[in-house]
């Protein structure tokens, strides 16, 4: 078993509940099984291999809140590393790499951006050359981190603006941007606001609602919502037909647990019934979601993959003209560090492509700042690398996004979910959701590989997964993020 040791001058920078979110990843950023503990004043990071790797650490940065930051590739050695310095080294390197990649495809860098990057680099240089004085090195490293994340924001904003402008000169942006609806039809006022901000919605095919009793299907709510979408002129993504966790299936299905043959039959029957009813009336089939992380009764990884493949085949047989998408959540796969899973999201996707099933694209679900079940906040430029990785097959991408607008108790959300707001926790939290979206949405709109962007939660008024993640609050009042989407829709998509 491999081991790395770190000294941390300012332990408060690592949240007290974050040891289980520290992990080591390989050169392709696939996490290894990782165990983290304190031994005296040293942080000990152990993993299942002795190979060199990058360490990913949740870290509080002045003015930027908590973000997962990454070291450069580190080898084992007896002398402990100073973690602050290694995180600053890693951020500067990754930032420079991303700048270089975007410059290669035409980004024009401003003097302001280069000045910020040079300032961050100078502070890192002070930190790296002052490690004989940990207090001095730590202070300089944390200044470098703060300056680096400020630089990252400038870089992402500049790239998004230039790329969107360039794309619009060639042709109008064809990106679809909208929201995943709740099972209940939105209020009239809500519908009007959505039409101004969206050109697509995801129509939930909630198996639990449609077939709450085995063999008796009720299509009323789905039919109503589809009729409204068609009248409003919105494109419709239908699904997920299969949400690969226990919350996505009717309670009666537990009676068939352990009988994989009948489980497959019932699930595929649901897919067949939905597609037979709505084919020709929707624009995209979202066949399955949370394929990589869902805990669906007793099904193992290979069985879940076989089920998804079978569902895609059924959809293609019944409706060969409508595109199909399969989605994965927690796309950075940080859960692999502490769970007994063999396959990362990219591995599932590669298997589906190699099976030549005719899948049209892949979806990535990022519920930022939620744990468990979500992804930790990361600098927005890291999405650039993620998109690059998922573009290797040349298939379109769909993003499902959410983050919280508050940290207070949300009685209608799943229990025992911790919220980390985007940005600096000392700032007014009411606009944290919009601030995060204002960085991420333009970056996604700038990439031609991203063809669909969906906010993952409509309202906090109905039962939902993640606290305060809706575009509307518990009183059905629109949050600032909806106005941002409306503005982007008008400026970029019309």
Protein backbone atom coordinates (compact mmCIF):
# COMPACT_ATOMS: atom_id res chain seq x y z
CA UNK A 1 0.00 0.00 0.00
CA UNK A 2 1.34 3.45 -0.95
CA UNK A 3 1.55 6.32 1.49
CA UNK A 4 2.06 10.07 1.26
CA UNK A 5 2.50 12.37 4.24
CA UNK A 6 1.65 16.06 4.49
CA UNK A 7 2.13 18.85 6.96
CA UNK A 8 -0.59 21.50 7.10
CA UNK A 9 0.24 24.79 8.75
CA UNK A 10 -3.37 25.98 8.87
CA UNK A 11 -5.62 23.00 9.61
CA UNK A 12 -8.73 25.18 9.51
CA UNK A 13 -8.35 25.31 5.74
CA UNK A 14 -9.40 21.65 5.60
CA UNK A 15 -13.01 21.37 6.83
CA UNK A 16 -13.26 19.06 9.82
CA UNK A 17 -15.66 16.70 8.04
CA UNK A 18 -13.66 16.54 4.82
CA UNK A 19 -11.09 13.81 5.43
CA UNK A 20 -13.30 11.30 3.61
CA UNK A 21 -13.34 13.55 0.56
CA UNK A 22 -9.56 13.58 0.15
CA UNK A 23 -8.34 11.09 -2.42
CA UNK A 24 -5.49 10.21 -4.77
CA UNK A 25 -6.03 9.81 -8.52
CA UNK A 26 -3.95 8.45 -11.36
CA UNK A 27 -2.70 10.29 -14.43
CA UNK A 28 -6.17 10.03 -16.01
CA UNK A 29 -7.69 11.41 -12.79
CA UNK A 30 -9.42 8.14 -11.90
CA UNK A 31 -9.54 7.92 -8.08
CA UNK A 32 -7.84 5.10 -6.26
CA UNK A 33 -9.23 3.60 -3.10
CA UNK A 34 -7.92 6.01 -0.47
CA UNK A 35 -7.69 6.12 3.32
CA UNK A 36 -6.86 9.36 5.13
CA UNK A 37 -6.00 9.91 8.80
CA UNK A 38 -4.03 12.12 11.16
CA UNK A 39 -0.84 10.85 12.77
CA UNK A 40 0.20 13.54 15.19
CA UNK A 41 0.53 16.73 13.17
CA UNK A 42 0.83 14.92 9.83
CA UNK A 43 -1.92 14.05 7.38
CA UNK A 44 -1.38 10.51 6.10
CA UNK A 45 -2.90 9.58 2.74
CA UNK A 46 -2.80 5.87 1.89
CA UNK A 47 -3.96 4.21 -1.30
CA UNK A 48 -3.95 0.77 -2.82
CA UNK A 49 -0.93 1.38 -5.08
CA UNK A 50 2.52 2.90 -4.72
CA UNK A 51 2.36 4.72 -8.05
CA UNK A 52 2.70 8.49 -8.16
CA UNK A 53 -0.58 10.38 -8.23
CA UNK A 54 -2.39 13.67 -7.72
CA UNK A 55 -4.03 14.39 -4.38
CA UNK A 56 -7.46 16.06 -4.41
CA UNK A 57 -8.30 18.05 -1.28
CA UNK A 58 -11.29 20.21 -0.21
CA UNK A 59 -9.68 23.51 0.79
CA UNK A 60 -11.00 26.83 2.05
CA UNK A 61 -9.64 29.71 -0.03
CA UNK A 62 -9.99 33.34 1.06
CA UNK A 63 -12.75 35.01 -0.95
CA UNK A 64 -13.67 31.83 -2.81
CA UNK A 65 -15.08 29.45 -0.23
CA UNK A 66 -14.43 25.72 -0.32
CA UNK A 67 -13.14 24.08 -3.51
CA UNK A 68 -11.54 20.76 -4.30
CA UNK A 69 -7.99 21.61 -5.32
CA UNK A 70 -5.44 19.25 -6.85
CA UNK A 71 -1.71 18.83 -6.42
CA UNK A 72 0.64 18.04 -9.25
CA UNK A 73 1.75 14.41 -9.56
CA UNK A 74 3.48 13.47 -6.31
CA UNK A 75 5.69 10.50 -5.52
CA UNK A 76 6.18 8.75 -2.23
CA UNK A 77 8.97 10.08 -0.06
CA UNK A 78 9.94 9.98 3.59
CA UNK A 79 9.94 13.74 4.05
CA UNK A 80 6.36 15.08 4.31
CA UNK A 81 5.08 17.58 1.78
CA UNK A 82 3.75 20.98 2.84
CA UNK A 83 0.18 20.68 1.58
CA UNK A 84 -0.47 24.39 1.05
CA UNK A 85 2.51 24.67 -1.27
CA UNK A 86 1.57 21.57 -3.26
CA UNK A 87 -2.00 22.75 -3.76
CA UNK A 88 -0.74 26.13 -4.99
CA UNK A 89 1.69 24.38 -7.33
CA UNK A 90 -1.11 22.22 -8.68
CA UNK A 91 -3.55 25.09 -9.21
CA UNK A 92 -0.98 27.23 -11.05
CA UNK A 93 0.00 24.31 -13.28
CA UNK A 94 -3.58 23.37 -14.13
CA UNK A 95 -4.47 26.98 -14.76
CA UNK A 96 -1.53 27.46 -17.11
CA UNK A 97 -2.36 24.22 -18.93
CA UNK A 98 -5.96 25.30 -19.47
CA UNK A 99 -4.84 28.75 -20.65
CA UNK A 100 -2.44 27.12 -23.13
CA UNK A 101 -5.15 24.81 -24.51
CA UNK A 102 -7.62 27.64 -24.99
CA UNK A 103 -4.95 29.88 -26.53
CA UNK A 104 -4.25 27.13 -29.08
CA UNK A 105 -7.86 27.34 -30.28
CA UNK A 106 -7.85 31.11 -30.50
CA UNK A 107 -8.30 32.69 -27.08
CA UNK A 108 -6.94 36.22 -26.98
CA UNK A 109 -5.54 36.85 -23.50
CA UNK A 110 -5.89 40.25 -21.90
CA UNK A 111 -3.18 42.11 -20.00
CA UNK A 112 -5.40 41.93 -16.93
CA UNK A 113 -5.53 38.12 -17.09
CA UNK A 114 -1.78 37.78 -17.59
CA UNK A 115 -1.12 40.22 -14.76
CA UNK A 116 -3.30 38.19 -12.40
CA UNK A 117 -1.58 34.97 -13.41
CA UNK A 118 1.88 36.48 -12.91
CA UNK A 119 0.89 37.74 -9.46
CA UNK A 120 -0.35 34.27 -8.47
CA UNK A 121 2.83 32.69 -9.82
CA UNK A 122 5.03 35.11 -7.86
CA UNK A 123 3.23 34.21 -4.63
CA UNK A 124 3.67 30.52 -5.38
CA UNK A 125 7.39 31.09 -6.02
CA UNK A 126 7.69 32.73 -2.59
CA UNK A 127 5.90 29.77 -1.03
CA UNK A 128 8.01 27.14 -2.80
CA UNK A 129 11.29 28.81 -1.84
CA UNK A 130 10.32 29.47 1.79
CA UNK A 131 9.40 25.98 2.96
CA UNK A 132 12.07 26.06 5.68
CA UNK A 133 9.65 28.53 7.35
CA UNK A 134 6.23 26.78 7.17
CA UNK A 135 4.31 29.81 8.40
CA UNK A 136 5.79 32.05 5.72
CA UNK A 137 5.38 29.44 2.98
CA UNK A 138 1.80 28.70 3.99
CA UNK A 139 0.80 32.36 3.94
CA UNK A 140 2.30 32.87 0.48
CA UNK A 141 0.72 29.65 -0.82
CA UNK A 142 -2.73 30.68 0.36
CA UNK A 143 -2.31 34.08 -1.28
CA UNK A 144 -1.34 32.24 -4.47
CA UNK A 145 -4.47 30.11 -4.22
CA UNK A 146 -6.74 33.12 -3.78
CA UNK A 147 -5.08 34.95 -6.69
CA UNK A 148 -5.16 31.78 -8.78
CA UNK A 149 -8.92 31.30 -8.35
CA UNK A 150 -9.50 34.97 -9.17
CA UNK A 151 -7.43 34.43 -12.31
CA UNK A 152 -9.47 31.33 -13.10
CA UNK A 153 -12.69 33.35 -13.01
CA UNK A 154 -11.22 35.92 -15.37
CA UNK A 155 -9.99 33.17 -17.70
CA UNK A 156 -13.35 31.36 -17.81
CA UNK A 157 -15.30 34.58 -18.37
CA UNK A 158 -12.97 35.71 -21.16
CA UNK A 159 -12.98 32.33 -22.88
CA UNK A 160 -16.79 32.00 -22.68
CA UNK A 161 -17.38 35.49 -24.07
CA UNK A 162 -14.97 35.06 -26.98
CA UNK A 163 -16.09 31.53 -27.83
CA UNK A 164 -19.79 32.41 -27.79
CA UNK A 165 -19.15 35.46 -29.96
CA UNK A 166 -17.16 33.34 -32.39
CA UNK A 167 -19.83 30.67 -32.58
CA UNK A 168 -22.60 33.22 -33.17
CA UNK A 169 -20.68 34.72 -36.09
CA UNK A 170 -20.70 31.34 -37.82
CA UNK A 171 -24.32 30.40 -37.05
CA UNK A 172 -26.93 30.90 -34.33
CA UNK A 173 -26.22 28.80 -31.25
CA UNK A 174 -28.27 25.61 -31.41
CA UNK A 175 -27.77 24.79 -27.72
CA UNK A 176 -30.91 23.79 -25.83
CA UNK A 177 -31.20 25.19 -22.30
CA UNK A 178 -33.97 24.56 -19.82
CA UNK A 179 -35.03 22.74 -16.67
CA UNK A 180 -36.19 19.34 -15.48
CA UNK A 181 -39.84 19.58 -14.47
CA UNK A 182 -41.39 18.13 -11.34
CA UNK A 183 -44.08 15.43 -11.64
CA UNK A 184 -46.72 18.09 -10.95
CA UNK A 185 -47.63 20.55 -13.72
CA UNK A 186 -46.14 24.00 -12.89
CA UNK A 187 -48.38 26.89 -11.91
CA UNK A 188 -49.48 29.23 -14.71
CA UNK A 189 -47.19 32.02 -13.46
CA UNK A 190 -44.27 29.60 -13.33
CA UNK A 191 -44.95 28.36 -16.84
CA UNK A 192 -44.87 31.88 -18.24
CA UNK A 193 -41.50 32.52 -16.63
CA UNK A 194 -40.09 29.23 -17.92
CA UNK A 195 -41.07 29.97 -21.51
CA UNK A 196 -39.03 33.18 -21.35
CA UNK A 197 -35.92 31.40 -20.08
CA UNK A 198 -36.05 27.96 -21.71
CA UNK A 199 -36.23 26.36 -25.14
CA UNK A 200 -36.37 22.80 -23.75
CA UNK A 201 -37.73 21.08 -20.66
CA UNK A 202 -37.21 17.58 -19.36
CA UNK A 203 -40.52 15.83 -18.86
CA UNK A 204 -40.24 13.46 -15.90
CA UNK A 205 -41.38 9.94 -16.59
CA UNK A 206 -41.84 9.17 -12.91
CA UNK A 207 -42.38 5.43 -12.79
CA UNK A 208 -43.35 5.67 -9.11
CA UNK A 209 -46.24 7.97 -10.06
CA UNK A 210 -47.24 6.37 -13.34
CA UNK A 211 -47.42 2.82 -11.97
CA UNK A 212 -47.79 3.12 -8.21
CA UNK A 213 -49.74 -0.16 -8.37
CA UNK A 214 -48.30 -2.97 -10.45
CA UNK A 215 -49.97 -3.25 -13.83
CA UNK A 216 -52.09 -0.07 -13.45
CA UNK A 217 -50.61 2.95 -15.23
CA UNK A 218 -51.86 6.52 -14.80
CA UNK A 219 -50.65 8.88 -17.53
CA UNK A 220 -52.72 11.92 -16.49
CA UNK A 221 -49.97 14.22 -15.16
CA UNK A 222 -47.50 13.29 -17.89
CA UNK A 223 -50.09 13.90 -20.60
CA UNK A 224 -50.97 17.29 -19.10
CA UNK A 225 -47.37 18.45 -18.96
CA UNK A 226 -46.61 17.25 -22.47
CA UNK A 227 -49.66 19.09 -23.82
CA UNK A 228 -48.47 22.31 -22.16
CA UNK A 229 -44.93 21.89 -23.53
CA UNK A 230 -46.24 21.38 -27.04
CA UNK A 231 -48.56 24.39 -26.81
CA UNK A 232 -45.70 26.56 -25.51
CA UNK A 233 -43.42 25.49 -28.35
CA UNK A 234 -40.82 23.92 -26.04
CA UNK A 235 -38.73 20.96 -27.07
CA UNK A 236 -39.12 17.97 -24.79
CA UNK A 237 -36.55 15.57 -23.36
CA UNK A 238 -38.47 12.67 -21.85
CA UNK A 239 -37.07 10.77 -18.93
CA UNK A 240 -35.18 9.36 -17.36
CA UNK A 241 -37.11 6.28 -18.36
CA UNK A 242 -35.02 4.42 -15.79
CA UNK A 243 -33.53 6.21 -12.82
CA UNK A 244 -31.06 3.68 -11.54
CA UNK A 245 -31.70 3.97 -7.82
CA UNK A 246 -34.38 2.86 -5.39
CA UNK A 247 -36.06 6.29 -5.41
CA UNK A 248 -36.70 5.95 -9.13
CA UNK A 249 -38.81 2.76 -9.01
CA UNK A 250 -42.20 1.91 -7.48
CA UNK A 251 -42.22 0.50 -3.96
CA UNK A 252 -43.83 -2.74 -5.13
CA UNK A 253 -40.75 -3.60 -7.19
CA UNK A 254 -38.98 -4.67 -4.00
CA UNK A 255 -41.09 -7.83 -4.10
CA UNK A 256 -38.97 -8.95 -7.05
CA UNK A 257 -35.61 -8.23 -5.41
CA UNK A 258 -33.19 -11.07 -6.08
CA UNK A 259 -35.09 -12.15 -9.19
CA UNK A 260 -33.02 -10.34 -11.81
CA UNK A 261 -34.88 -11.94 -14.73
CA UNK A 262 -38.24 -10.55 -13.63
CA UNK A 263 -36.73 -7.24 -12.56
CA UNK A 264 -35.33 -6.78 -16.07
CA UNK A 265 -38.68 -7.74 -17.59
CA UNK A 266 -40.65 -5.24 -15.48
CA UNK A 267 -38.22 -2.39 -16.09
CA UNK A 268 -38.09 -2.97 -19.82
CA UNK A 269 -41.89 -3.24 -19.91
CA UNK A 270 -42.05 0.24 -18.38
CA UNK A 271 -39.66 1.58 -21.01
CA UNK A 272 -41.67 -0.06 -23.77
CA UNK A 273 -44.96 1.36 -22.46
CA UNK A 274 -43.60 4.92 -22.24
CA UNK A 275 -41.96 4.95 -25.66
CA UNK A 276 -44.99 3.35 -27.32
CA UNK A 277 -47.23 6.06 -25.88
CA UNK A 278 -45.09 9.14 -26.53
CA UNK A 279 -42.98 8.34 -29.62
CA UNK A 280 -43.18 11.05 -32.22
CA UNK A 281 -44.13 13.62 -29.56
CA UNK A 282 -40.76 14.12 -27.82
CA UNK A 283 -37.40 15.29 -29.13
CA UNK A 284 -35.01 13.28 -26.93
CA UNK A 285 -35.21 10.07 -24.93
CA UNK A 286 -33.28 10.22 -21.66
CA UNK A 287 -33.07 6.46 -21.30
CA UNK A 288 -31.30 6.09 -17.95
CA UNK A 289 -29.75 8.27 -15.25
CA UNK A 290 -27.32 7.73 -12.36
CA UNK A 291 -26.11 4.59 -14.06
CA UNK A 292 -22.76 4.65 -12.26
CA UNK A 293 -23.83 5.47 -8.69
CA UNK A 294 -27.40 4.22 -8.29
CA UNK A 295 -28.21 1.53 -5.76
CA UNK A 296 -31.08 -0.29 -7.46
CA UNK A 297 -32.25 -3.14 -5.28
CA UNK A 298 -29.66 -5.94 -5.52
CA UNK A 299 -28.39 -5.29 -9.05
CA UNK A 300 -24.62 -5.32 -9.50
CA UNK A 301 -22.59 -3.03 -11.79
CA UNK A 302 -22.60 -5.44 -14.72
CA UNK A 303 -26.33 -6.08 -14.36
CA UNK A 304 -27.08 -2.35 -14.34
CA UNK A 305 -25.04 -1.93 -17.50
CA UNK A 306 -26.85 -4.83 -19.18
CA UNK A 307 -30.21 -3.33 -18.20
CA UNK A 308 -29.31 0.04 -19.69
CA UNK A 309 -28.11 -1.60 -22.89
CA UNK A 310 -31.35 -3.57 -23.17
CA UNK A 311 -33.41 -0.42 -22.56
CA UNK A 312 -31.55 1.45 -25.33
CA UNK A 313 -32.23 -1.40 -27.73
CA UNK A 314 -35.95 -1.31 -26.93
CA UNK A 315 -36.13 2.45 -27.44
CA UNK A 316 -34.29 2.20 -30.75
CA UNK A 317 -36.59 -0.60 -31.94
CA UNK A 318 -39.75 1.38 -31.15
CA UNK A 319 -38.48 4.84 -32.15
CA UNK A 320 -35.38 4.77 -34.31
CA UNK A 321 -35.53 8.47 -35.23
CA UNK A 322 -35.43 10.15 -31.82
CA UNK A 323 -31.98 10.60 -30.18
CA UNK A 324 -31.17 8.66 -27.00
CA UNK A 325 -29.04 9.77 -24.06
CA UNK A 326 -27.70 7.98 -20.99
CA UNK A 327 -26.49 10.08 -18.06
CA UNK A 328 -24.03 9.68 -15.19
CA UNK A 329 -23.79 11.68 -11.99
CA UNK A 330 -20.69 12.68 -9.99
CA UNK A 331 -18.65 12.60 -13.23
CA UNK A 332 -15.32 13.19 -11.44
CA UNK A 333 -15.94 9.78 -9.80
CA UNK A 334 -14.72 10.87 -6.37
CA UNK A 335 -17.00 8.22 -4.84
CA UNK A 336 -14.60 5.53 -6.10
CA UNK A 337 -12.10 6.51 -3.41
CA UNK A 338 -14.28 5.13 -0.64
CA UNK A 339 -16.76 2.73 -2.26
CA UNK A 340 -16.36 -0.75 -3.67
CA UNK A 341 -17.08 0.03 -7.29
CA UNK A 342 -14.98 -1.04 -10.26
CA UNK A 343 -16.30 1.18 -13.05
CA UNK A 344 -15.94 4.93 -13.42
CA UNK A 345 -18.48 6.90 -15.51
CA UNK A 346 -16.13 6.92 -18.52
CA UNK A 347 -15.86 3.13 -18.32
CA UNK A 348 -19.65 2.71 -18.45
CA UNK A 349 -19.87 5.10 -21.39
CA UNK A 350 -17.07 3.35 -23.28
CA UNK A 351 -18.79 -0.01 -22.85
CA UNK A 352 -22.04 1.39 -24.28
CA UNK A 353 -20.23 2.92 -27.26
CA UNK A 354 -18.33 -0.30 -27.98
CA UNK A 355 -21.60 -2.26 -27.85
CA UNK A 356 -22.76 -0.21 -30.88
CA UNK A 357 -26.28 0.23 -29.51
CA UNK A 358 -26.88 3.53 -31.27
CA UNK A 359 -26.69 5.75 -28.18
CA UNK A 360 -26.78 9.36 -29.42
CA UNK A 361 -25.05 11.15 -26.55
CA UNK A 362 -24.15 11.21 -22.87
CA UNK A 363 -25.39 13.27 -19.97
CA UNK A 364 -23.36 14.46 -16.97
CA UNK A 365 -25.16 15.33 -13.76
CA UNK A 366 -23.37 17.80 -11.49
CA UNK A 367 -25.13 18.62 -8.24
CA UNK A 368 -22.46 20.91 -6.84
CA UNK A 369 -21.85 21.39 -3.15
CA UNK A 370 -23.98 18.50 -1.86
CA UNK A 371 -22.81 15.48 0.07
CA UNK A 372 -23.45 12.65 -0.05
CA UNK A 373 -24.75 12.15 -3.57
CA UNK A 374 -23.34 15.29 -5.17
CA UNK A 375 -20.06 16.69 -6.42
CA UNK A 376 -17.77 18.99 -4.46
CA UNK A 377 -17.30 22.53 -5.74
CA UNK A 378 -14.35 22.87 -8.11
CA UNK A 379 -12.89 25.81 -10.04
CA UNK A 380 -15.09 26.33 -13.11
CA UNK A 381 -12.19 25.90 -15.55
CA UNK A 382 -12.04 22.23 -14.52
CA UNK A 383 -15.20 21.77 -16.59
CA UNK A 384 -13.02 22.41 -19.64
CA UNK A 385 -11.01 19.27 -18.99
CA UNK A 386 -14.16 17.29 -18.18
CA UNK A 387 -15.76 18.25 -21.50
CA UNK A 388 -12.56 17.37 -23.34
CA UNK A 389 -12.52 13.91 -21.74
CA UNK A 390 -16.14 13.21 -22.64
CA UNK A 391 -15.71 14.45 -26.21
CA UNK A 392 -13.46 11.55 -27.22
CA UNK A 393 -16.33 9.68 -28.91
CA UNK A 394 -17.54 12.74 -30.81
CA UNK A 395 -21.02 12.42 -29.29
CA UNK A 396 -23.10 15.37 -28.03
CA UNK A 397 -23.19 16.07 -24.31
CA UNK A 398 -26.07 16.99 -22.02
CA UNK A 399 -25.44 18.61 -18.64
CA UNK A 400 -27.78 18.43 -15.65
CA UNK A 401 -26.85 21.08 -13.07
CA UNK A 402 -27.85 22.24 -9.63
CA UNK A 403 -26.44 23.95 -6.57
CA UNK A 404 -27.96 25.39 -3.42
CA UNK A 405 -29.15 28.92 -2.74
CA UNK A 406 -29.17 28.51 1.08
CA UNK A 407 -27.93 26.28 3.89
CA UNK A 408 -31.01 26.37 6.13
CA UNK A 409 -33.10 23.28 6.84
CA UNK A 410 -35.10 22.13 3.82
CA UNK A 411 -37.84 19.83 5.09
CA UNK A 412 -38.80 18.60 1.61
CA UNK A 413 -35.30 17.54 0.59
CA UNK A 414 -33.66 14.20 1.26
CA UNK A 415 -32.44 13.89 4.82
CA UNK A 416 -28.82 14.07 5.97
CA UNK A 417 -27.48 16.03 3.00
CA UNK A 418 -24.83 18.63 3.82
CA UNK A 419 -24.72 21.82 1.77
CA UNK A 420 -21.58 23.76 0.84
CA UNK A 421 -22.47 27.04 -0.82
CA UNK A 422 -20.55 28.26 -3.83
CA UNK A 423 -18.24 31.19 -3.22
CA UNK A 424 -17.24 32.74 0.09
CA UNK A 425 -19.53 31.63 2.95
CA UNK A 426 -19.06 35.07 4.49
CA UNK A 427 -20.91 36.69 1.61
CA UNK A 428 -24.68 37.03 1.31
CA UNK A 429 -25.76 33.47 0.55
CA UNK A 430 -28.95 34.44 -1.24
CA UNK A 431 -27.10 34.88 -4.53
CA UNK A 432 -24.67 31.95 -4.21
CA UNK A 433 -26.61 29.81 -6.67
CA UNK A 434 -26.65 32.53 -9.31
CA UNK A 435 -22.94 33.30 -8.86
CA UNK A 436 -22.07 29.67 -9.53
CA UNK A 437 -24.43 29.47 -12.51
CA UNK A 438 -23.02 32.71 -13.93
CA UNK A 439 -19.61 31.04 -14.23
CA UNK A 440 -20.74 27.62 -15.39
CA UNK A 441 -23.58 28.29 -17.85
CA UNK A 442 -21.64 30.59 -20.24
CA UNK A 443 -18.74 28.13 -20.25
CA UNK A 444 -21.07 25.31 -21.29
CA UNK A 445 -22.77 27.49 -23.90
CA UNK A 446 -19.32 28.22 -25.33
CA UNK A 447 -18.63 24.57 -26.13
CA UNK A 448 -20.15 23.11 -29.29
CA UNK A 449 -19.95 19.60 -27.79
CA UNK A 450 -22.54 20.64 -25.18
CA UNK A 451 -25.91 20.56 -26.90
CA UNK A 452 -28.33 20.41 -23.95
CA UNK A 453 -28.15 22.16 -20.56
CA UNK A 454 -30.82 21.42 -17.96
CA UNK A 455 -31.19 22.81 -14.46
CA UNK A 456 -31.83 19.69 -12.46
CA UNK A 457 -34.53 20.91 -10.06
CA UNK A 458 -37.50 23.16 -10.79
CA UNK A 459 -38.92 24.06 -7.40
CA UNK A 460 -38.29 23.71 -3.66
CA UNK A 461 -42.06 23.56 -3.06
CA UNK A 462 -42.39 19.86 -3.87
CA UNK A 463 -40.35 16.92 -2.47
CA UNK A 464 -36.89 16.91 -4.04
CA UNK A 465 -33.42 15.44 -3.73
CA UNK A 466 -31.14 18.38 -2.93
CA UNK A 467 -31.80 21.23 -0.47
CA UNK A 468 -32.62 24.66 -1.92
CA UNK A 469 -31.50 23.61 -5.42
CA UNK A 470 -34.61 24.68 -7.33
CA UNK A 471 -35.02 27.62 -9.69
CA UNK A 472 -38.07 28.53 -7.59
CA UNK A 473 -38.17 28.67 -3.79
CA UNK A 474 -40.68 26.99 -1.46
CA UNK A 475 -43.14 29.83 -2.12
CA UNK A 476 -42.76 29.44 -5.89
CA UNK A 477 -40.87 32.70 -6.17
CA UNK A 478 -38.24 32.72 -8.90
CA UNK A 479 -34.62 32.83 -7.76
CA UNK A 480 -32.01 35.08 -9.44
CA UNK A 481 -30.68 32.09 -11.42
CA UNK A 482 -33.84 32.03 -13.53
CA UNK A 483 -33.32 35.66 -14.55
CA UNK A 484 -29.74 34.76 -15.51
CA UNK A 485 -31.02 31.92 -17.70
CA UNK A 486 -33.55 34.27 -19.28
CA UNK A 487 -30.83 36.81 -20.07
CA UNK A 488 -28.57 34.14 -21.56
CA UNK A 489 -31.46 32.81 -23.59
CA UNK A 490 -32.12 36.25 -25.08
CA UNK A 491 -28.47 37.12 -25.70
CA UNK A 492 -27.14 33.77 -26.88
CA UNK A 493 -29.95 31.53 -28.07
CA UNK A 494 -32.29 33.83 -29.99
